[in-house]
PDB file of N, CA and C in Angstrom:
ATOM      1  N   UNK A   1     -72.689  45.504 -32.067  1.00  0.00           N
ATOM      2  CA  UNK A   1     -72.225  46.287 -30.976  1.00  0.00           C
ATOM      3  C   UNK A   1     -73.235  47.375 -30.223  1.00  0.00           C
ATOM      4  N   UNK A   2     -73.059  47.310 -28.921  1.00  0.00           N
ATOM      5  CA  UNK A   2     -73.743  48.176 -28.139  1.00  0.00           C
ATOM      6  C   UNK A   2     -73.762  49.615 -28.225  1.00  0.00           C
ATOM      7  N   UNK A   3     -74.405  50.625 -27.572  1.00  0.00           N
ATOM      8  CA  UNK A   3     -74.526  51.739 -27.837  1.00  0.00           C
ATOM      9  C   UNK A   3     -73.182  52.553 -27.503  1.00  0.00           C
ATOM     10  N   UNK A   4     -72.806  52.093 -26.352  1.00  0.00           N
ATOM     11  CA  UNK A   4     -71.652  52.794 -25.625  1.00  0.00           C
ATOM     12  C   UNK A   4     -70.127  52.562 -26.553  1.00  0.00           C
ATOM     13  N   UNK A   5     -70.156  51.400 -27.094  1.00  0.00           N
ATOM     14  CA  UNK A   5     -69.181  51.325 -28.202  1.00  0.00           C
ATOM     15  C   UNK A   5     -69.159  52.150 -29.271  1.00  0.00           C
ATOM     16  N   UNK A   6     -70.535  52.257 -29.778  1.00  0.00           N
ATOM     17  CA  UNK A   6     -70.462  52.996 -31.093  1.00  0.00           C
ATOM     18  C   UNK A   6     -70.353  54.369 -30.658  1.00  0.00           C
ATOM     19  N   UNK A   7     -70.649  54.884 -29.397  1.00  0.00           N
ATOM     20  CA  UNK A   7     -70.450  56.496 -29.074  1.00  0.00           C
ATOM     21  C   UNK A   7     -68.767  56.588 -29.000  1.00  0.00           C
ATOM     22  N   UNK A   8     -67.895  55.558 -28.633  1.00  0.00           N
ATOM     23  CA  UNK A   8     -66.350  55.761 -28.548  1.00  0.00           C
ATOM     24  C   UNK A   8     -65.809  55.617 -30.010  1.00  0.00           C
ATOM     25  N   UNK A   9     -66.638  54.931 -30.495  1.00  0.00           N
ATOM     26  CA  UNK A   9     -66.087  54.507 -31.852  1.00  0.00           C
ATOM     27  C   UNK A   9     -66.155  56.114 -32.976  1.00  0.00           C
ATOM     28  N   UNK A  10     -67.220  56.630 -32.578  1.00  0.00           N
ATOM     29  CA  UNK A  10     -67.352  58.265 -33.290  1.00  0.00           C
ATOM     30  C   UNK A  10     -66.855  59.330 -32.787  1.00  0.00           C
ATOM     31  N   UNK A  11     -66.422  59.334 -31.601  1.00  0.00           N
ATOM     32  CA  UNK A  11     -65.698  60.248 -30.956  1.00  0.00           C
ATOM     33  C   UNK A  11     -64.193  60.591 -31.539  1.00  0.00           C
ATOM     34  N   UNK A  12     -63.859  61.756 -31.685  1.00  0.00           N
ATOM     35  CA  UNK A  12     -62.529  62.280 -32.193  1.00  0.00           C
ATOM     36  C   UNK A  12     -61.593  62.089 -30.994  1.00  0.00           C
ATOM     37  N   UNK A  13     -60.232  61.563 -31.549  1.00  0.00           N
ATOM     38  CA  UNK A  13     -59.174  61.262 -30.657  1.00  0.00           C
ATOM     39  C   UNK A  13     -58.547  62.520 -30.393  1.00  0.00           C
ATOM     40  N   UNK A  14     -58.071  62.592 -29.001  1.00  0.00           N
ATOM     41  CA  UNK A  14     -57.088  63.945 -28.883  1.00  0.00           C
ATOM     42  C   UNK A  14     -55.814  63.640 -29.642  1.00  0.00           C
ATOM     43  N   UNK A  15     -55.327  64.957 -29.942  1.00  0.00           N
ATOM     44  CA  UNK A  15     -53.803  64.690 -30.550  1.00  0.00           C
ATOM     45  C   UNK A  15     -52.974  64.477 -29.409  1.00  0.00           C
ATOM     46  N   UNK A  16     -51.961  63.831 -29.750  1.00  0.00           N
ATOM     47  CA  UNK A  16     -50.729  63.316 -28.452  1.00  0.00           C
ATOM     48  C   UNK A  16     -50.166  64.486 -28.230  1.00  0.00           C
ATOM     49  N   UNK A  17     -49.532  64.171 -27.108  1.00  0.00           N
ATOM     50  CA  UNK A  17     -48.847  65.558 -26.354  1.00  0.00           C
ATOM     51  C   UNK A  17     -47.528  65.156 -26.992  1.00  0.00           C
ATOM     52  N   UNK A  18     -46.545  66.202 -27.136  1.00  0.00           N
ATOM     53  CA  UNK A  18     -45.372  66.201 -27.146  1.00  0.00           C
ATOM     54  C   UNK A  18     -44.649  66.032 -26.180  1.00  0.00           C
ATOM     55  N   UNK A  19     -45.026  66.625 -25.036  1.00  0.00           N
ATOM     56  CA  UNK A  19     -44.572  66.306 -23.446  1.00  0.00           C
ATOM     57  C   UNK A  19     -44.393  64.586 -23.215  1.00  0.00           C
ATOM     58  N   UNK A  20     -45.740  64.090 -23.415  1.00  0.00           N
ATOM     59  CA  UNK A  20     -45.790  62.926 -23.080  1.00  0.00           C
ATOM     60  C   UNK A  20     -44.922  61.995 -24.119  1.00  0.00           C
ATOM     61  N   UNK A  21     -44.806  62.346 -25.293  1.00  0.00           N
ATOM     62  CA  UNK A  21     -43.867  61.637 -26.169  1.00  0.00           C
ATOM     63  C   UNK A  21     -42.586  61.533 -25.777  1.00  0.00           C
ATOM     64  N   UNK A  22     -42.087  63.004 -25.207  1.00  0.00           N
ATOM     65  CA  UNK A  22     -40.928  63.238 -24.803  1.00  0.00           C
ATOM     66  C   UNK A  22     -40.546  62.301 -23.504  1.00  0.00           C
ATOM     67  N   UNK A  23     -41.507  62.129 -22.643  1.00  0.00           N
ATOM     68  CA  UNK A  23     -41.363  61.569 -21.141  1.00  0.00           C
ATOM     69  C   UNK A  23     -41.376  59.917 -21.664  1.00  0.00           C
ATOM     70  N   UNK A  24     -41.936  59.340 -22.614  1.00  0.00           N
ATOM     71  CA  UNK A  24     -42.094  58.001 -23.015  1.00  0.00           C
ATOM     72  C   UNK A  24     -40.845  57.682 -23.716  1.00  0.00           C
ATOM     73  N   UNK A  25     -40.182  58.518 -24.401  1.00  0.00           N
ATOM     74  CA  UNK A  25     -38.999  58.368 -24.884  1.00  0.00           C
ATOM     75  C   UNK A  25     -37.639  58.259 -23.833  1.00  0.00           C
ATOM     76  N   UNK A  26     -37.853  59.155 -22.987  1.00  0.00           N
ATOM     77  CA  UNK A  26     -36.827  59.318 -21.866  1.00  0.00           C
ATOM     78  C   UNK A  26     -36.973  57.925 -21.076  1.00  0.00           C
ATOM     79  N   UNK A  27     -38.123  57.520 -20.701  1.00  0.00           N
ATOM     80  CA  UNK A  27     -38.095  56.317 -20.108  1.00  0.00           C
ATOM     81  C   UNK A  27     -37.853  55.001 -20.711  1.00  0.00           C
ATOM     82  N   UNK A  28     -37.832  54.783 -21.727  1.00  0.00           N
ATOM     83  CA  UNK A  28     -37.607  53.905 -22.829  1.00  0.00           C
ATOM     84  C   UNK A  28     -35.673  54.081 -22.738  1.00  0.00           C
ATOM     85  N   UNK A  29     -35.321  55.166 -23.076  1.00  0.00           N
ATOM     86  CA  UNK A  29     -33.888  55.071 -23.031  1.00  0.00           C
ATOM     87  C   UNK A  29     -33.220  55.057 -21.690  1.00  0.00           C
ATOM     88  N   UNK A  30     -33.818  55.222 -20.650  1.00  0.00           N
ATOM     89  CA  UNK A  30     -33.466  55.027 -19.339  1.00  0.00           C
ATOM     90  C   UNK A  30     -33.314  53.471 -19.186  1.00  0.00           C
ATOM     91  N   UNK A  31     -34.451  52.850 -19.479  1.00  0.00           N
ATOM     92  CA  UNK A  31     -34.357  51.388 -19.293  1.00  0.00           C
ATOM     93  C   UNK A  31     -33.458  50.757 -20.266  1.00  0.00           C
ATOM     94  N   UNK A  32     -33.122  51.176 -21.297  1.00  0.00           N
ATOM     95  CA  UNK A  32     -32.149  50.708 -22.059  1.00  0.00           C
ATOM     96  C   UNK A  32     -30.846  51.070 -21.346  1.00  0.00           C
ATOM     97  N   UNK A  33     -30.593  52.179 -20.800  1.00  0.00           N
ATOM     98  CA  UNK A  33     -29.122  52.155 -20.286  1.00  0.00           C
ATOM     99  C   UNK A  33     -29.080  51.566 -19.069  1.00  0.00           C
ATOM    100  N   UNK A  34     -30.171  51.259 -18.191  1.00  0.00           N
ATOM    101  CA  UNK A  34     -30.058  50.682 -16.881  1.00  0.00           C
ATOM    102  C   UNK A  34     -29.838  48.851 -17.393  1.00  0.00           C
ATOM    103  N   UNK A  35     -30.596  48.815 -18.378  1.00  0.00           N
ATOM    104  CA  UNK A  35     -30.162  47.329 -19.004  1.00  0.00           C
ATOM    105  C   UNK A  35     -28.810  47.023 -19.202  1.00  0.00           C
ATOM    106  N   UNK A  36     -28.091  48.002 -19.928  1.00  0.00           N
ATOM    107  CA  UNK A  36     -26.715  47.807 -20.507  1.00  0.00           C
ATOM    108  C   UNK A  36     -25.877  47.805 -19.157  1.00  0.00           C
ATOM    109  N   UNK A  37     -26.151  48.785 -18.348  1.00  0.00           N
ATOM    110  CA  UNK A  37     -25.262  48.737 -16.920  1.00  0.00           C
ATOM    111  C   UNK A  37     -25.349  47.588 -16.386  1.00  0.00           C
ATOM    112  N   UNK A  38     -26.751  47.011 -16.200  1.00  0.00           N
ATOM    113  CA  UNK A  38     -26.722  45.921 -15.353  1.00  0.00           C
ATOM    114  C   UNK A  38     -26.308  44.625 -15.939  1.00  0.00           C
ATOM    115  N   UNK A  39     -26.346  44.702 -17.333  1.00  0.00           N
ATOM    116  CA  UNK A  39     -25.635  43.518 -18.330  1.00  0.00           C
ATOM    117  C   UNK A  39     -23.905  43.637 -17.955  1.00  0.00           C
ATOM    118  N   UNK A  40     -23.420  45.035 -17.880  1.00  0.00           N
ATOM    119  CA  UNK A  40     -22.056  45.141 -17.695  1.00  0.00           C
ATOM    120  C   UNK A  40     -21.756  44.351 -16.110  1.00  0.00           C
ATOM    121  N   UNK A  41     -22.550  44.782 -15.415  1.00  0.00           N
ATOM    122  CA  UNK A  41     -22.272  44.311 -14.099  1.00  0.00           C
ATOM    123  C   UNK A  41     -22.376  42.760 -13.912  1.00  0.00           C
ATOM    124  N   UNK A  42     -23.507  42.220 -14.603  1.00  0.00           N
ATOM    125  CA  UNK A  42     -23.699  40.826 -14.452  1.00  0.00           C
ATOM    126  C   UNK A  42     -22.329  39.946 -15.177  1.00  0.00           C
ATOM    127  N   UNK A  43     -21.904  40.714 -16.282  1.00  0.00           N
ATOM    128  CA  UNK A  43     -20.752  40.184 -16.999  1.00  0.00           C
ATOM    129  C   UNK A  43     -19.551  40.028 -15.924  1.00  0.00           C
ATOM    130  N   UNK A  44     -19.090  41.303 -15.221  1.00  0.00           N
ATOM    131  CA  UNK A  44     -18.176  41.334 -14.223  1.00  0.00           C
ATOM    132  C   UNK A  44     -18.267  40.402 -13.184  1.00  0.00           C
ATOM    133  N   UNK A  45     -19.588  40.162 -12.623  1.00  0.00           N
ATOM    134  CA  UNK A  45     -19.613  39.112 -11.613  1.00  0.00           C
ATOM    135  C   UNK A  45     -19.483  37.825 -12.085  1.00  0.00           C
ATOM    136  N   UNK A  46     -19.921  37.493 -13.448  1.00  0.00           N
ATOM    137  CA  UNK A  46     -19.593  36.220 -14.080  1.00  0.00           C
ATOM    138  C   UNK A  46     -18.146  36.033 -14.202  1.00  0.00           C
ATOM    139  N   UNK A  47     -17.375  36.841 -14.603  1.00  0.00           N
ATOM    140  CA  UNK A  47     -15.865  36.733 -14.637  1.00  0.00           C
ATOM    141  C   UNK A  47     -15.379  36.461 -13.116  1.00  0.00           C
ATOM    142  N   UNK A  48     -15.726  37.175 -12.410  1.00  0.00           N
ATOM    143  CA  UNK A  48     -15.379  37.196 -10.790  1.00  0.00           C
ATOM    144  C   UNK A  48     -15.586  35.904 -10.222  1.00  0.00           C
ATOM    145  N   UNK A  49     -16.757  35.119 -10.777  1.00  0.00           N
ATOM    146  CA  UNK A  49     -17.077  33.901 -10.152  1.00  0.00           C
ATOM    147  C   UNK A  49     -16.325  32.872 -10.825  1.00  0.00           C
ATOM    148  N   UNK A  50     -16.124  32.935 -12.188  1.00  0.00           N
ATOM    149  CA  UNK A  50     -15.340  31.998 -12.752  1.00  0.00           C
ATOM    150  C   UNK A  50     -13.906  31.898 -12.300  1.00  0.00           C
ATOM    151  N   UNK A  51     -13.468  33.211 -12.201  1.00  0.00           N
ATOM    152  CA  UNK A  51     -11.826  32.970 -11.429  1.00  0.00           C
ATOM    153  C   UNK A  51     -11.791  32.515 -10.276  1.00  0.00           C
ATOM    154  N   UNK A  52     -12.921  32.734  -9.433  1.00  0.00           N
ATOM    155  CA  UNK A  52     -13.083  32.088  -7.973  1.00  0.00           C
ATOM    156  C   UNK A  52     -13.134  30.677  -8.174  1.00  0.00           C
ATOM    157  N   UNK A  53     -14.154  30.032  -9.044  1.00  0.00           N
ATOM    158  CA  UNK A  53     -14.186  28.888  -9.107  1.00  0.00           C
ATOM    159  C   UNK A  53     -12.801  28.027  -9.506  1.00  0.00           C
ATOM    160  N   UNK A  54     -12.198  28.654 -10.488  1.00  0.00           N
ATOM    161  CA  UNK A  54     -10.772  28.393 -10.896  1.00  0.00           C
ATOM    162  C   UNK A  54      -9.896  28.067  -9.722  1.00  0.00           C
ATOM    163  N   UNK A  55      -9.834  29.369  -8.979  1.00  0.00           N
ATOM    164  CA  UNK A  55      -8.831  29.461  -7.770  1.00  0.00           C
ATOM    165  C   UNK A  55      -9.102  28.357  -6.838  1.00  0.00           C
ATOM    166  N   UNK A  56     -10.354  28.342  -6.528  1.00  0.00           N
ATOM    167  CA  UNK A  56     -10.879  26.997  -5.520  1.00  0.00           C
ATOM    168  C   UNK A  56     -10.575  25.833  -5.981  1.00  0.00           C
ATOM    169  N   UNK A  57     -10.698  25.347  -7.304  1.00  0.00           N
ATOM    170  CA  UNK A  57     -10.367  24.233  -7.867  1.00  0.00           C
ATOM    171  C   UNK A  57      -9.040  24.045  -7.956  1.00  0.00           C
ATOM    172  N   UNK A  58      -8.004  24.988  -8.097  1.00  0.00           N
ATOM    173  CA  UNK A  58      -6.708  24.798  -8.141  1.00  0.00           C
ATOM    174  C   UNK A  58      -6.065  24.602  -6.808  1.00  0.00           C
ATOM    175  N   UNK A  59      -6.682  25.484  -5.775  1.00  0.00           N
ATOM    176  CA  UNK A  59      -6.377  24.972  -4.238  1.00  0.00           C
ATOM    177  C   UNK A  59      -6.589  23.895  -3.835  1.00  0.00           C
ATOM    178  N   UNK A  60      -7.890  23.271  -4.149  1.00  0.00           N
ATOM    179  CA  UNK A  60      -8.169  21.805  -3.848  1.00  0.00           C
ATOM    180  C   UNK A  60      -7.187  20.879  -4.124  1.00  0.00           C
ATOM    181  N   UNK A  61      -6.948  20.966  -5.537  1.00  0.00           N
ATOM    182  CA  UNK A  61      -6.290  20.029  -6.320  1.00  0.00           C
ATOM    183  C   UNK A  61      -4.691  20.290  -5.789  1.00  0.00           C
ATOM    184  N   UNK A  62      -4.147  21.576  -5.423  1.00  0.00           N
ATOM    185  CA  UNK A  62      -3.056  21.451  -4.873  1.00  0.00           C
ATOM    186  C   UNK A  62      -2.862  20.884  -3.552  1.00  0.00           C
ATOM    187  N   UNK A  63      -3.749  21.168  -2.798  1.00  0.00           N
ATOM    188  CA  UNK A  63      -3.755  20.732  -1.282  1.00  0.00           C
ATOM    189  C   UNK A  63      -3.866  19.095  -1.376  1.00  0.00           C
ATOM    190  N   UNK A  64      -4.593  18.658  -2.198  1.00  0.00           N
ATOM    191  CA  UNK A  64      -4.648  17.076  -2.131  1.00  0.00           C
ATOM    192  C   UNK A  64      -3.257  16.566  -2.727  1.00  0.00           C
ATOM    193  N   UNK A  65      -2.379  17.238  -3.245  1.00  0.00           N
ATOM    194  CA  UNK A  65      -1.337  16.597  -3.964  1.00  0.00           C
ATOM    195  C   UNK A  65      -0.143  16.825  -2.759  1.00  0.00           C
ATOM    196  N   UNK A  66      -0.294  18.064  -2.163  1.00  0.00           N
ATOM    197  CA  UNK A  66       0.789  18.414  -1.464  1.00  0.00           C
ATOM    198  C   UNK A  66       0.677  17.619   0.042  1.00  0.00           C
ATOM    199  N   UNK A  67      -0.534  17.649   0.467  1.00  0.00           N
ATOM    200  CA  UNK A  67      -0.582  16.749   1.621  1.00  0.00           C
ATOM    201  C   UNK A  67      -0.789  15.325   1.949  1.00  0.00           C
ATOM    202  N   UNK A  68      -0.276  14.667   0.904  1.00  0.00           N
ATOM    203  CA  UNK A  68      -0.630  13.342   0.401  1.00  0.00           C
ATOM    204  C   UNK A  68      -0.017  12.694   1.528  1.00  0.00           C
ATOM    205  N   UNK A  69      -0.439  11.614   2.376  1.00  0.00           N
ATOM    206  CA  UNK A  69       0.241  10.898   3.256  1.00  0.00           C
ATOM    207  C   UNK A  69       1.358   9.972   2.561  1.00  0.00           C
ATOM    208  N   UNK A  70       2.652   9.664   3.106  1.00  0.00           N
ATOM    209  CA  UNK A  70       3.196   8.754   2.432  1.00  0.00           C
ATOM    210  C   UNK A  70       3.072   7.342   2.209  1.00  0.00           C
ATOM    211  N   UNK A  71       3.646   6.684   1.125  1.00  0.00           N
ATOM    212  CA  UNK A  71       2.970   5.160   1.316  1.00  0.00           C
ATOM    213  C   UNK A  71       3.705   4.320   2.350  1.00  0.00           C
ATOM    214  N   UNK A  72       3.171   3.525   2.754  1.00  0.00           N
ATOM    215  CA  UNK A  72       3.775   2.657   4.150  1.00  0.00           C
ATOM    216  C   UNK A  72       4.789   1.761   3.591  1.00  0.00           C
ATOM    217  N   UNK A  73       5.797   1.601   3.984  1.00  0.00           N
ATOM    218  CA  UNK A  73       7.190   0.696   3.744  1.00  0.00           C
ATOM    219  C   UNK A  73       7.151  -0.077   4.835  1.00  0.00           C
ATOM    220  N   UNK A  74       7.698  -1.300   4.515  1.00  0.00           N
ATOM    221  CA  UNK A  74       8.339  -2.634   5.112  1.00  0.00           C
ATOM    222  C   UNK A  74       8.997  -2.141   6.251  1.00  0.00           C
ATOM    223  N   UNK A  75       9.105  -2.137   7.357  1.00  0.00           N
ATOM    224  CA  UNK A  75      10.129  -2.206   8.752  1.00  0.00           C
ATOM    225  C   UNK A  75      10.704  -3.361   9.071  1.00  0.00           C
ATOM    226  N   UNK A  76      11.868  -3.714   9.183  1.00  0.00           N
ATOM    227  CA  UNK A  76      11.985  -4.957   9.467  1.00  0.00           C
ATOM    228  C   UNK A  76      13.296  -4.532  10.607  1.00  0.00           C
ATOM    229  N   UNK A  77      13.271  -5.287  11.737  1.00  0.00           N
ATOM    230  CA  UNK A  77      13.715  -5.229  13.224  1.00  0.00           C
ATOM    231  C   UNK A  77      14.700  -6.456  13.140  1.00  0.00           C
ATOM    232  N   UNK A  78      15.809  -6.097  13.479  1.00  0.00           N
ATOM    233  CA  UNK A  78      16.952  -7.415  13.559  1.00  0.00           C
ATOM    234  C   UNK A  78      17.310  -7.365  15.147  1.00  0.00           C
ATOM    235  N   UNK A  79      16.735  -8.216  15.853  1.00  0.00           N
ATOM    236  CA  UNK A  79      17.226  -8.208  17.389  1.00  0.00           C
ATOM    237  C   UNK A  79      18.348  -9.330  17.644  1.00  0.00           C
ATOM    238  N   UNK A  80      19.456  -8.956  17.972  1.00  0.00           N
ATOM    239  CA  UNK A  80      20.346  -9.926  18.240  1.00  0.00           C
ATOM    240  C   UNK A  80      20.764  -9.952  19.711  1.00  0.00           C
ATOM    241  N   UNK A  81      20.991 -11.247  20.436  1.00  0.00           N
ATOM    242  CA  UNK A  81      21.256 -11.490  21.763  1.00  0.00           C
ATOM    243  C   UNK A  81      22.817 -11.007  21.763  1.00  0.00           C
ATOM    244  N   UNK A  82      23.148 -10.593  23.023  1.00  0.00           N
ATOM    245  CA  UNK A  82      24.481 -10.123  23.602  1.00  0.00           C
ATOM    246  C   UNK A  82      25.051 -10.948  24.555  1.00  0.00           C
ATOM    247  N   UNK A  83      26.396 -11.146  24.557  1.00  0.00           N
ATOM    248  CA  UNK A  83      26.856 -11.696  25.608  1.00  0.00           C
ATOM    249  C   UNK A  83      26.979 -13.102  26.008  1.00  0.00           C
ATOM    250  N   UNK A  84      26.531 -13.629  27.035  1.00  0.00           N
ATOM    251  CA  UNK A  84      26.328 -14.951  27.398  1.00  0.00           C
ATOM    252  C   UNK A  84      25.021 -15.507  26.925  1.00  0.00           C
ATOM    253  N   UNK A  85      24.017 -14.930  26.726  1.00  0.00           N
ATOM    254  CA  UNK A  85      22.957 -15.371  25.981  1.00  0.00           C
ATOM    255  C   UNK A  85      23.187 -15.646  24.487  1.00  0.00           C
ATOM    256  N   UNK A  86      23.827 -14.870  23.904  1.00  0.00           N
ATOM    257  CA  UNK A  86      24.300 -15.276  22.452  1.00  0.00           C
ATOM    258  C   UNK A  86      25.135 -16.601  22.340  1.00  0.00           C
ATOM    259  N   UNK A  87      25.965 -16.639  23.469  1.00  0.00           N
ATOM    260  CA  UNK A  87      26.908 -18.123  23.343  1.00  0.00           C
ATOM    261  C   UNK A  87      25.918 -19.356  23.453  1.00  0.00           C
ATOM    262  N   UNK A  88      25.037 -18.704  24.503  1.00  0.00           N
ATOM    263  CA  UNK A  88      23.847 -20.226  24.681  1.00  0.00           C
ATOM    264  C   UNK A  88      23.240 -20.407  23.390  1.00  0.00           C
ATOM    265  N   UNK A  89      22.891 -19.350  22.805  1.00  0.00           N
ATOM    266  CA  UNK A  89      22.068 -19.498  21.656  1.00  0.00           C
ATOM    267  C   UNK A  89      22.914 -20.084  20.634  1.00  0.00           C
ATOM    268  N   UNK A  90      24.091 -19.753  20.313  1.00  0.00           N
ATOM    269  CA  UNK A  90      24.704 -20.076  19.142  1.00  0.00           C
ATOM    270  C   UNK A  90      25.374 -21.589  19.138  1.00  0.00           C
ATOM    271  N   UNK A  91      25.967 -21.835  20.524  1.00  0.00           N
ATOM    272  CA  UNK A  91      26.174 -23.232  20.842  1.00  0.00           C
ATOM    273  C   UNK A  91      25.403 -24.054  21.330  1.00  0.00           C
ATOM    274  N   UNK A  92      25.310 -25.282  20.712  1.00  0.00           N
ATOM    275  CA  UNK A  92      24.504 -26.425  21.008  1.00  0.00           C
ATOM    276  C   UNK A  92      24.836 -26.673  22.419  1.00  0.00           C
ATOM    277  N   UNK A  93      23.535 -27.153  23.181  1.00  0.00           N
ATOM    278  CA  UNK A  93      23.677 -27.567  24.467  1.00  0.00           C
ATOM    279  C   UNK A  93      24.513 -29.000  24.740  1.00  0.00           C
ATOM    280  N   UNK A  94      25.343 -29.309  25.914  1.00  0.00           N
ATOM    281  CA  UNK A  94      26.158 -30.258  25.941  1.00  0.00           C
ATOM    282  C   UNK A  94      25.183 -31.661  25.931  1.00  0.00           C
ATOM    283  N   UNK A  95      23.946 -31.691  25.956  1.00  0.00           N
ATOM    284  CA  UNK A  95      23.184 -32.729  26.010  1.00  0.00           C
ATOM    285  C   UNK A  95      23.012 -33.066  24.453  1.00  0.00           C
ATOM    286  N   UNK A  96      23.187 -32.118  23.719  1.00  0.00           N
ATOM    287  CA  UNK A  96      22.860 -32.395  22.264  1.00  0.00           C
ATOM    288  C   UNK A  96      24.336 -33.106  21.651  1.00  0.00           C
ATOM    289  N   UNK A  97      25.259 -33.011  22.364  1.00  0.00           N
ATOM    290  CA  UNK A  97      26.651 -33.988  21.813  1.00  0.00           C
ATOM    291  C   UNK A  97      26.336 -35.425  22.202  1.00  0.00           C
ATOM    292  N   UNK A  98      26.707 -36.182  21.180  1.00  0.00           N
ATOM    293  CA  UNK A  98      26.620 -37.518  21.125  1.00  0.00           C
ATOM    294  C   UNK A  98      27.743 -38.012  21.652  1.00  0.00           C
ATOM    295  N   UNK A  99      27.411 -39.015  22.836  1.00  0.00           N
ATOM    296  CA  UNK A  99      28.811 -39.380  23.420  1.00  0.00           C
ATOM    297  C   UNK A  99      29.295 -40.356  22.230  1.00  0.00           C
ATOM    298  N   UNK A 100      30.828 -40.534  22.013  1.00  0.00           N
ATOM    299  CA  UNK A 100      31.189 -41.279  21.079  1.00  0.00           C
ATOM    300  C   UNK A 100      31.070 -42.967  21.590  1.00  0.00           C
ATOM    301  N   UNK A 101      30.843 -43.696  20.805  1.00  0.00           N
ATOM    302  CA  UNK A 101      30.722 -45.137  21.320  1.00  0.00           C
ATOM    303  C   UNK A 101      32.200 -45.768  21.322  1.00  0.00           C
ATOM    304  N   UNK A 102      32.155 -46.447  22.504  1.00  0.00           N
ATOM    305  CA  UNK A 102      33.638 -47.010  22.987  1.00  0.00           C
ATOM    306  C   UNK A 102      33.405 -48.638  22.611  1.00  0.00           C
ATOM    307  N   UNK A 103      33.806 -49.106  22.073  1.00  0.00           N
ATOM    308  CA  UNK A 103      33.675 -50.605  21.624  1.00  0.00           C
ATOM    309  C   UNK A 103      34.929 -51.523  22.250  1.00  0.00           C
ATOM    310  N   UNK A 104      34.768 -52.438  23.310  1.00  0.00           N
ATOM    311  CA  UNK A 104      36.073 -53.008  24.055  1.00  0.00           C
ATOM    312  C   UNK A 104      35.789 -54.354  23.392  1.00  0.00           C
ATOM    313  N   UNK A 105      36.782 -54.857  22.966  1.00  0.00           N
ATOM    314  CA  UNK A 105      36.519 -56.122  22.610  1.00  0.00           C
ATOM    315  C   UNK A 105      37.809 -56.941  23.315  1.00  0.00           C
ATOM    316  N   UNK A 106      37.805 -57.999  23.790  1.00  0.00           N
ATOM    317  CA  UNK A 106      38.632 -58.522  24.596  1.00  0.00           C
ATOM    318  C   UNK A 106      38.626 -60.272  23.893  1.00  0.00           C
ATOM    319  N   UNK A 107      39.738 -60.685  24.071  1.00  0.00           N
ATOM    320  CA  UNK A 107      39.919 -62.106  23.756  1.00  0.00           C
ATOM    321  C   UNK A 107      39.797 -63.068  25.103  1.00  0.00           C
ATOM    322  N   UNK A 108      39.166 -64.059  24.742  1.00  0.00           N
ATOM    323  CA  UNK A 108      39.281 -65.092  25.709  1.00  0.00           C
ATOM    324  C   UNK A 108      40.537 -65.598  26.231  1.00  0.00           C
ATOM    325  N   UNK A 109      41.163 -65.697  27.303  1.00  0.00           N
ATOM    326  CA  UNK A 109      42.364 -66.310  27.803  1.00  0.00           C
ATOM    327  C   UNK A 109      42.337 -67.808  27.589  1.00  0.00           C
TER     328      UNK A 109
END
């Protein structure tokens, strides 16, 4: 060890101050109180965040189920002709009627 260290080792230490001890104790107590109050605030904010997340999830779920588009269904339209057009379509044309065969037989005189 060098000379400076030897001198420091041999010197007497001053007695601790009671005021200093009281200030240090007060500082530690204040820190402990502030930690506890900040923990309480953090817990409140965690609960608030959890409720907000649950509410947002429920809102998204409900909006997805309520605003669902209906499933497409088949639509069938039936268009019928009216009047003379209906008669023309239902009755076959005259050219479609076959003329009956006439067979004429004669006897020779």
